[in-house]
């Protein structure tokens, strides 16, 4: 599945709420999201519109590795 090209940081944060991530703080134009399942994990998302493709790919790769799933599985879960 291809990465969305017009996704902003706020939309990504809202999508990640579906899998248990919640906003714990905001500093300037960056959100810090945290989940406790399966273990504690933090990810920082820039609230830019749109997110750069490389930035989005790196964030999703980090989350997919923590959730022990492939990036395509994560994309289907979030945007499918």
N, C-alpha and C. Protein backbone atom coordinates (compact mmCIF):
# COMPACT_ATOMS: atom_id res chain seq x y z
N UNK A 1 0.84 -1.17 0.00
CA UNK A 1 0.00 0.00 0.00
C UNK A 1 0.89 1.24 0.00
N UNK A 2 0.53 2.23 -0.82
CA UNK A 2 1.32 3.45 -0.91
C UNK A 2 1.04 4.35 0.30
N UNK A 3 2.05 5.14 0.64
CA UNK A 3 1.88 6.11 1.72
C UNK A 3 0.99 7.25 1.24
N UNK A 4 0.12 7.76 2.11
CA UNK A 4 -0.68 8.93 1.73
C UNK A 4 0.23 10.14 1.54
N UNK A 5 -0.04 10.94 0.52
CA UNK A 5 0.82 12.08 0.18
C UNK A 5 0.32 13.39 0.78
N UNK A 6 -0.93 13.44 1.20
CA UNK A 6 -1.52 14.70 1.66
C UNK A 6 -1.91 14.66 3.13
N UNK A 7 -1.20 13.87 3.91
CA UNK A 7 -1.52 13.67 5.31
C UNK A 7 -0.82 14.71 6.18
N UNK A 8 -1.56 15.34 7.08
CA UNK A 8 -0.92 16.28 8.01
C UNK A 8 -0.69 15.57 9.35
N UNK A 9 0.11 16.17 10.19
CA UNK A 9 0.46 15.56 11.48
C UNK A 9 -0.74 15.33 12.37
N UNK A 10 -1.70 16.26 12.38
CA UNK A 10 -2.89 16.11 13.22
C UNK A 10 -3.74 14.92 12.76
N UNK A 11 -3.85 14.71 11.44
CA UNK A 11 -4.59 13.56 10.93
C UNK A 11 -3.90 12.25 11.31
N UNK A 12 -2.58 12.23 11.25
CA UNK A 12 -1.83 11.03 11.64
C UNK A 12 -2.04 10.73 13.11
N UNK A 13 -2.00 11.74 13.97
CA UNK A 13 -2.22 11.54 15.40
C UNK A 13 -3.61 10.98 15.66
N UNK A 14 -4.61 11.48 14.93
CA UNK A 14 -5.98 10.99 15.08
C UNK A 14 -6.09 9.53 14.64
N UNK A 15 -5.41 9.17 13.56
CA UNK A 15 -5.41 7.79 13.09
C UNK A 15 -4.71 6.86 14.07
N UNK A 16 -3.63 7.33 14.67
CA UNK A 16 -2.89 6.50 15.63
C UNK A 16 -3.67 6.27 16.92
N UNK A 17 -4.65 7.12 17.20
CA UNK A 17 -5.50 6.92 18.38
C UNK A 17 -6.28 5.62 18.26
N UNK A 18 -6.54 5.16 17.04
CA UNK A 18 -7.26 3.90 16.82
C UNK A 18 -6.50 2.69 17.37
N UNK A 19 -5.17 2.79 17.40
CA UNK A 19 -4.39 1.65 17.88
C UNK A 19 -3.78 1.91 19.26
N UNK A 20 -4.31 2.90 19.97
CA UNK A 20 -3.93 3.08 21.36
C UNK A 20 -2.96 4.19 21.68
N UNK A 21 -2.53 4.97 20.69
CA UNK A 21 -1.63 6.09 20.96
C UNK A 21 -2.45 7.29 21.40
N UNK A 22 -1.94 8.02 22.38
CA UNK A 22 -2.62 9.23 22.83
C UNK A 22 -1.60 10.35 22.97
N UNK A 23 -2.06 11.57 22.79
CA UNK A 23 -1.17 12.71 22.88
C UNK A 23 -0.84 12.97 24.35
N UNK A 24 0.45 13.00 24.67
CA UNK A 24 0.86 13.25 26.04
C UNK A 24 1.37 14.66 26.24
N UNK A 25 1.87 15.28 25.17
CA UNK A 25 2.29 16.67 25.27
C UNK A 25 2.49 17.25 23.88
N UNK A 26 2.55 18.59 23.84
CA UNK A 26 2.86 19.29 22.60
C UNK A 26 3.86 20.38 22.92
N UNK A 27 4.92 20.41 22.15
CA UNK A 27 5.93 21.45 22.28
C UNK A 27 6.08 22.11 20.92
N UNK A 28 5.64 23.36 20.82
CA UNK A 28 5.70 24.04 19.54
C UNK A 28 4.85 23.33 18.51
N UNK A 29 5.47 22.94 17.40
CA UNK A 29 4.72 22.28 16.33
C UNK A 29 4.95 20.78 16.31
N UNK A 30 5.26 20.18 17.45
CA UNK A 30 5.48 18.74 17.54
C UNK A 30 4.61 18.13 18.63
N UNK A 31 3.97 17.01 18.29
CA UNK A 31 3.17 16.25 19.25
C UNK A 31 3.96 15.05 19.73
N UNK A 32 3.82 14.70 20.98
CA UNK A 32 4.42 13.48 21.53
C UNK A 32 3.28 12.54 21.83
N UNK A 33 3.26 11.37 21.19
CA UNK A 33 2.24 10.38 21.41
C UNK A 33 2.85 9.20 22.15
N UNK A 34 2.04 8.58 23.01
CA UNK A 34 2.51 7.46 23.83
C UNK A 34 1.46 6.36 23.82
N UNK A 35 1.94 5.13 23.86
CA UNK A 35 1.07 3.97 24.04
C UNK A 35 1.68 3.08 25.10
N UNK A 36 0.83 2.30 25.74
CA UNK A 36 1.31 1.37 26.76
C UNK A 36 1.18 -0.08 26.30
N UNK A 37 0.65 -0.30 25.11
CA UNK A 37 0.44 -1.67 24.63
C UNK A 37 1.29 -1.93 23.40
N UNK A 38 2.00 -2.99 23.27
CA UNK A 38 2.26 -4.04 24.24
C UNK A 38 3.24 -3.61 25.32
N UNK A 39 4.02 -2.58 25.06
CA UNK A 39 4.88 -1.97 26.08
C UNK A 39 4.91 -0.47 25.80
N UNK A 40 5.48 0.29 26.72
CA UNK A 40 5.46 1.74 26.54
C UNK A 40 6.32 2.14 25.33
N UNK A 41 5.76 3.02 24.52
CA UNK A 41 6.44 3.48 23.32
C UNK A 41 6.05 4.94 23.08
N UNK A 42 7.03 5.76 22.73
CA UNK A 42 6.80 7.17 22.45
C UNK A 42 7.17 7.46 21.00
N UNK A 43 6.43 8.33 20.38
CA UNK A 43 6.73 8.77 19.03
C UNK A 43 6.42 10.27 18.93
N UNK A 44 7.29 11.00 18.24
CA UNK A 44 7.11 12.44 18.06
C UNK A 44 6.68 12.70 16.62
N UNK A 45 5.62 13.48 16.47
CA UNK A 45 5.05 13.77 15.16
C UNK A 45 5.03 15.28 14.94
N UNK A 46 5.63 15.75 13.84
CA UNK A 46 5.52 17.18 13.54
C UNK A 46 4.12 17.50 13.04
N UNK A 47 3.57 18.60 13.48
CA UNK A 47 2.22 19.01 13.04
C UNK A 47 2.39 19.92 11.84
N UNK A 48 2.86 19.33 10.74
CA UNK A 48 3.08 20.06 9.50
C UNK A 48 2.02 19.60 8.49
N UNK A 49 1.75 20.44 7.52
CA UNK A 49 0.75 20.11 6.51
C UNK A 49 1.33 20.38 5.13
N UNK A 50 1.62 19.37 4.35
CA UNK A 50 1.57 17.95 4.66
C UNK A 50 2.89 17.46 5.25
N UNK A 51 2.87 16.24 5.79
CA UNK A 51 4.09 15.62 6.29
C UNK A 51 4.94 15.20 5.09
N UNK A 52 6.24 15.33 5.20
CA UNK A 52 7.12 14.85 4.14
C UNK A 52 7.05 13.33 4.11
N UNK A 53 7.18 12.77 2.92
CA UNK A 53 7.03 11.33 2.73
C UNK A 53 8.06 10.55 3.54
N UNK A 54 9.29 11.02 3.57
CA UNK A 54 10.34 10.34 4.33
C UNK A 54 10.08 10.37 5.82
N UNK A 55 9.56 11.49 6.32
CA UNK A 55 9.22 11.61 7.73
C UNK A 55 8.10 10.66 8.09
N UNK A 56 7.06 10.62 7.26
CA UNK A 56 5.93 9.72 7.49
C UNK A 56 6.39 8.27 7.45
N UNK A 57 7.23 7.92 6.49
CA UNK A 57 7.74 6.55 6.37
C UNK A 57 8.52 6.14 7.61
N UNK A 58 9.35 7.04 8.13
CA UNK A 58 10.15 6.73 9.32
C UNK A 58 9.26 6.55 10.56
N UNK A 59 8.25 7.40 10.71
CA UNK A 59 7.34 7.29 11.85
C UNK A 59 6.58 5.97 11.79
N UNK A 60 6.05 5.64 10.62
CA UNK A 60 5.28 4.40 10.48
C UNK A 60 6.15 3.15 10.63
N UNK A 61 7.40 3.21 10.17
CA UNK A 61 8.31 2.08 10.33
C UNK A 61 8.61 1.84 11.81
N UNK A 62 8.80 2.92 12.57
CA UNK A 62 9.05 2.82 14.00
C UNK A 62 7.85 2.21 14.72
N UNK A 63 6.66 2.66 14.39
CA UNK A 63 5.45 2.16 15.03
C UNK A 63 5.20 0.70 14.64
N UNK A 64 5.39 0.37 13.37
CA UNK A 64 5.19 -1.00 12.91
C UNK A 64 6.16 -1.96 13.61
N UNK A 65 7.40 -1.55 13.80
CA UNK A 65 8.37 -2.39 14.49
C UNK A 65 7.96 -2.61 15.94
N UNK A 66 7.46 -1.57 16.59
CA UNK A 66 7.03 -1.70 17.98
C UNK A 66 5.79 -2.60 18.09
N UNK A 67 4.88 -2.48 17.15
CA UNK A 67 3.64 -3.27 17.17
C UNK A 67 3.85 -4.68 16.60
N UNK A 68 5.06 -4.95 16.11
CA UNK A 68 5.43 -6.25 15.54
C UNK A 68 4.52 -6.63 14.38
N UNK A 69 4.40 -5.71 13.42
CA UNK A 69 3.65 -5.95 12.20
C UNK A 69 4.38 -5.28 11.05
N UNK A 70 3.99 -5.61 9.84
CA UNK A 70 4.62 -4.99 8.69
C UNK A 70 4.03 -3.59 8.48
N UNK A 71 4.75 -2.79 7.72
CA UNK A 71 4.27 -1.44 7.45
C UNK A 71 2.96 -1.46 6.68
N UNK A 72 2.81 -2.42 5.75
CA UNK A 72 1.57 -2.53 4.98
C UNK A 72 0.39 -2.89 5.87
N UNK A 73 0.61 -3.78 6.84
CA UNK A 73 -0.46 -4.11 7.79
C UNK A 73 -0.87 -2.90 8.59
N UNK A 74 0.10 -2.11 9.02
CA UNK A 74 -0.19 -0.90 9.77
C UNK A 74 -0.95 0.12 8.93
N UNK A 75 -0.54 0.28 7.68
CA UNK A 75 -1.24 1.22 6.78
C UNK A 75 -2.69 0.81 6.58
N UNK A 76 -2.94 -0.49 6.38
CA UNK A 76 -4.32 -0.97 6.22
C UNK A 76 -5.14 -0.73 7.48
N UNK A 77 -4.52 -0.93 8.62
CA UNK A 77 -5.20 -0.71 9.90
C UNK A 77 -5.54 0.76 10.11
N UNK A 78 -4.63 1.64 9.75
CA UNK A 78 -4.84 3.08 9.98
C UNK A 78 -5.68 3.75 8.92
N UNK A 79 -5.43 3.42 7.65
CA UNK A 79 -6.05 4.16 6.54
C UNK A 79 -6.90 3.31 5.62
N UNK A 80 -6.94 2.00 5.84
CA UNK A 80 -7.64 1.10 4.93
C UNK A 80 -9.05 1.01 5.22
